[in-house]
Amino acid sequence: MTDWVQQLIADGGYLGVFLLMFAETVFPPIPSEVIMSMAGLQTAKGIMSLPVVILAGTAGAMLGNIVWYLAARRLGMARLRPLILRYGRWLTMDWNEVDRGERWFMRHGYLFVCIGRMMPTIRSLISVPAGLMRMRFVPFVLWSSLGTLGWSAFLAMAGWVLGTRFAEMEVWLGLFSTLILIGMGGWYLWRVLTWRPSR
């Protein structure tokens, strides 16, 4: 994975960073931790500019975020309801929980979107509830961009600072992402096993 990402960045430059981050947002198993850190390593070598790398990565990720947002918005709550009623156990929610989530999201959604963009794995999924809840498009883009910019900048600067110690950083970032995935998987399994519809 690392060699493949490194080659695409070397061949595609800023456009390669943009396209990789777009793909990472649409298809989360491609890790942004590797993409932006590797791009930051290129800036440490003087091959690329750190600010432009950060902007290219942010723009690519935001394009993917908007795709997910528009897809979820098109699905809408009306089309979601039959899915919840039919597959509630496997989605681990019923319609009362959706109503509560909608009210919570209306109060805290902007902050949730911003902070969520800086959390591995979760960052690629935040656009779905934002689209379903029909969060206004301009605030969605602004808050998402702020969080995505922070995450991209952190990873790129980490690659720039650590330089040749990238392999060591990749191990720790990979472990962190894996622990989050395991935690989410365990939480989902617990929800499925203990799920009961609200009365």
Protein backbone atom coordinates (compact mmCIF):
# COMPACT_ATOMS: atom_id res chain seq x y z
CA MET A 1 0.00 0.00 0.00
CA THR A 2 2.73 2.47 0.97
CA ASP A 3 4.77 1.87 -2.19
CA TRP A 4 1.69 2.27 -4.38
CA VAL A 5 0.70 5.57 -2.72
CA GLN A 6 4.28 6.84 -2.91
CA GLN A 7 4.43 6.08 -6.63
CA LEU A 8 1.13 7.85 -7.35
CA ILE A 9 2.26 10.93 -5.44
CA ALA A 10 5.64 10.91 -7.20
CA ASP A 11 4.00 10.57 -10.64
CA GLY A 12 0.94 12.76 -10.10
CA GLY A 13 2.28 15.44 -7.76
CA TYR A 14 -0.42 17.66 -6.28
CA LEU A 15 -3.05 16.16 -8.58
CA GLY A 16 -2.07 12.73 -7.29
CA VAL A 17 -2.57 13.90 -3.69
CA PHE A 18 -5.95 15.40 -4.66
CA LEU A 19 -7.15 12.20 -6.38
CA LEU A 20 -5.87 9.92 -3.62
CA MET A 21 -7.65 11.92 -0.92
CA PHE A 22 -10.84 11.96 -2.99
CA ALA A 23 -10.62 8.17 -3.36
CA GLU A 24 -9.88 7.78 0.37
CA THR A 25 -13.05 9.68 1.28
CA VAL A 26 -15.25 7.71 -1.11
CA PHE A 27 -13.57 4.37 -0.31
CA PRO A 28 -12.35 4.63 3.35
CA PRO A 29 -10.00 1.58 3.39
CA ILE A 30 -7.46 3.74 1.52
CA PRO A 31 -5.85 5.46 4.54
CA SER A 32 -5.46 9.24 4.59
CA GLU A 33 -2.80 8.71 7.26
CA VAL A 34 -0.53 7.17 4.64
CA ILE A 35 -1.45 9.55 1.80
CA MET A 36 -0.93 12.86 3.57
CA SER A 37 2.06 11.70 5.62
CA MET A 38 3.75 10.44 2.49
CA ALA A 39 3.02 13.73 0.75
CA GLY A 40 4.48 15.55 3.76
CA LEU A 41 7.61 13.45 3.43
CA GLN A 42 7.92 14.68 -0.17
CA THR A 43 7.80 18.27 1.08
CA ALA A 44 10.61 17.51 3.55
CA LYS A 45 12.71 16.46 0.55
CA GLY A 46 11.95 19.77 -1.18
CA ILE A 47 10.04 18.06 -4.00
CA MET A 48 6.66 19.59 -3.13
CA SER A 49 5.34 22.60 -1.22
CA LEU A 50 3.80 21.87 2.20
CA PRO A 51 0.97 24.48 1.97
CA VAL A 52 -0.01 23.33 -1.53
CA VAL A 53 0.05 19.67 -0.45
CA ILE A 54 -2.28 20.48 2.45
CA LEU A 55 -4.66 22.40 0.18
CA ALA A 56 -4.63 19.66 -2.47
CA GLY A 57 -5.39 16.98 0.12
CA THR A 58 -8.14 19.07 1.70
CA ALA A 59 -9.75 19.80 -1.68
CA GLY A 60 -9.72 16.14 -2.70
CA ALA A 61 -11.23 15.00 0.59
CA MET A 62 -13.88 17.73 0.44
CA LEU A 63 -14.96 16.65 -3.04
CA GLY A 64 -15.53 13.14 -1.64
CA ASN A 65 -17.34 14.59 1.38
CA ILE A 66 -19.71 16.49 -0.89
CA VAL A 67 -20.41 13.36 -2.96
CA TRP A 68 -21.47 11.46 0.18
CA TYR A 69 -23.50 14.43 1.45
CA LEU A 70 -25.44 14.76 -1.82
CA ALA A 71 -26.05 11.00 -2.02
CA ALA A 72 -27.43 10.92 1.54
CA ARG A 73 -29.49 14.05 0.93
CA ARG A 74 -31.01 12.47 -2.17
CA LEU A 75 -31.88 9.34 -0.18
CA GLY A 76 -33.62 11.50 2.41
CA MET A 77 -35.44 10.60 5.60
CA ALA A 78 -38.61 9.49 3.76
CA ARG A 79 -36.71 6.76 1.89
CA LEU A 80 -34.75 5.89 5.02
CA ARG A 81 -37.86 5.10 7.10
CA PRO A 82 -38.82 1.82 5.31
CA LEU A 83 -35.21 0.64 5.63
CA ILE A 84 -35.21 1.35 9.37
CA LEU A 85 -38.54 -0.42 9.85
CA ARG A 86 -37.42 -3.48 7.92
CA TYR A 87 -33.76 -3.77 8.90
CA GLY A 88 -33.80 -2.06 12.29
CA ARG A 89 -31.95 -4.84 14.09
CA TRP A 90 -29.06 -4.88 11.62
CA LEU A 91 -28.94 -1.09 11.50
CA THR A 92 -29.21 -1.20 15.32
CA MET A 93 -31.79 1.56 15.47
CA ASP A 94 -35.51 2.20 15.29
CA TRP A 95 -37.39 5.27 14.16
CA ASN A 96 -37.61 6.79 17.65
CA GLU A 97 -33.81 6.75 17.81
CA VAL A 98 -33.65 8.41 14.40
CA ASP A 99 -35.97 11.16 15.68
CA ARG A 100 -33.79 11.68 18.76
CA GLY A 101 -30.66 11.71 16.60
CA GLU A 102 -32.20 14.27 14.30
CA ARG A 103 -33.01 16.60 17.19
CA TRP A 104 -29.49 16.21 18.61
CA PHE A 105 -27.92 16.77 15.20
CA MET A 106 -29.95 19.95 14.68
CA ARG A 107 -28.47 21.35 17.92
CA HIS A 108 -24.85 20.12 17.65
CA GLY A 109 -24.44 19.09 14.01
CA TYR A 110 -21.94 21.74 12.90
CA LEU A 111 -19.51 21.00 15.74
CA PHE A 112 -19.99 17.25 15.22
CA VAL A 113 -19.15 17.59 11.52
CA CYS A 114 -16.04 19.66 12.23
CA ILE A 115 -14.60 17.42 14.97
CA GLY A 116 -15.61 14.23 13.18
CA ARG A 117 -13.46 15.19 10.20
CA MET A 118 -10.40 14.83 12.41
CA MET A 119 -11.19 11.28 13.59
CA PRO A 120 -9.84 8.30 11.61
CA THR A 121 -12.48 6.13 9.91
CA ILE A 122 -15.36 8.23 11.28
CA ARG A 123 -14.27 11.24 9.20
CA SER A 124 -15.40 9.59 5.96
CA LEU A 125 -18.87 8.78 7.30
CA ILE A 126 -19.92 12.12 8.79
CA SER A 127 -21.37 13.36 5.50
CA VAL A 128 -24.15 10.73 5.60
CA PRO A 129 -26.06 12.01 8.67
CA ALA A 130 -25.41 15.59 7.54
CA GLY A 131 -27.05 14.83 4.19
CA LEU A 132 -29.92 12.83 5.70
CA MET A 133 -30.68 15.62 8.18
CA ARG A 134 -30.49 18.14 5.31
CA MET A 135 -27.87 20.28 6.98
CA ARG A 136 -27.53 23.51 5.01
CA PHE A 137 -24.98 23.06 2.27
CA VAL A 138 -22.80 26.14 2.83
CA PRO A 139 -22.31 25.59 6.60
CA PHE A 140 -21.70 21.89 5.90
CA VAL A 141 -18.93 22.77 3.45
CA LEU A 142 -17.42 25.42 5.75
CA TRP A 143 -17.34 23.25 8.90
CA SER A 144 -16.25 20.17 6.99
CA SER A 145 -13.47 22.13 5.29
CA LEU A 146 -12.24 23.43 8.63
CA GLY A 147 -12.01 19.95 10.14
CA THR A 148 -10.59 18.39 6.97
CA LEU A 149 -7.97 21.13 6.70
CA GLY A 150 -6.89 20.48 10.30
CA TRP A 151 -6.58 16.73 9.73
CA SER A 152 -4.74 17.10 6.42
CA ALA A 153 -2.37 19.69 7.87
CA PHE A 154 -1.61 17.54 10.92
CA LEU A 155 -0.72 14.49 8.82
CA ALA A 156 1.27 16.41 6.22
CA MET A 157 3.27 18.26 8.88
CA ALA A 158 3.87 15.01 10.73
CA GLY A 159 5.35 13.54 7.55
CA TRP A 160 7.41 16.69 7.03
CA VAL A 161 8.75 16.72 10.62
CA LEU A 162 9.48 13.02 10.92
CA GLY A 163 11.03 12.75 7.46
CA THR A 164 12.85 9.43 7.22
CA ARG A 165 11.06 8.13 10.34
CA PHE A 166 7.88 7.80 8.29
CA ALA A 167 7.82 4.00 8.66
CA GLU A 168 7.74 4.36 12.45
CA MET A 169 4.92 6.89 12.27
CA GLU A 170 2.96 4.68 9.86
CA VAL A 171 3.04 1.82 12.39
CA TRP A 172 1.55 3.97 15.16
CA LEU A 173 -1.07 5.59 12.93
CA GLY A 174 -2.02 2.20 11.55
CA LEU A 175 -2.36 0.79 15.08
CA PHE A 176 -4.51 3.74 16.13
CA SER A 177 -6.81 3.31 13.11
CA THR A 178 -7.04 -0.45 13.71
CA LEU A 179 -8.03 0.05 17.35
CA ILE A 180 -10.79 2.45 16.28
CA LEU A 181 -12.08 -0.08 13.73
CA ILE A 182 -12.05 -2.87 16.34
CA GLY A 183 -13.85 -0.63 18.81
CA MET A 184 -16.51 0.28 16.25
CA GLY A 185 -16.92 -3.39 15.29
CA GLY A 186 -17.31 -4.41 18.93
CA TRP A 187 -19.80 -1.61 19.57
CA TYR A 188 -21.85 -2.68 16.52
CA LEU A 189 -21.87 -6.34 17.59
CA TRP A 190 -22.98 -5.36 21.10
CA ARG A 191 -25.77 -3.20 19.61
CA VAL A 192 -27.01 -6.06 17.41
CA LEU A 193 -27.04 -8.56 20.28
CA THR A 194 -28.78 -6.24 22.75
CA TRP A 195 -31.06 -4.36 20.33
CA ARG A 196 -34.70 -3.99 21.28
CA PRO A 197 -37.18 -1.71 19.49
CA SER A 198 -38.38 1.27 21.51
CA ARG A 199 -41.89 1.06 22.89
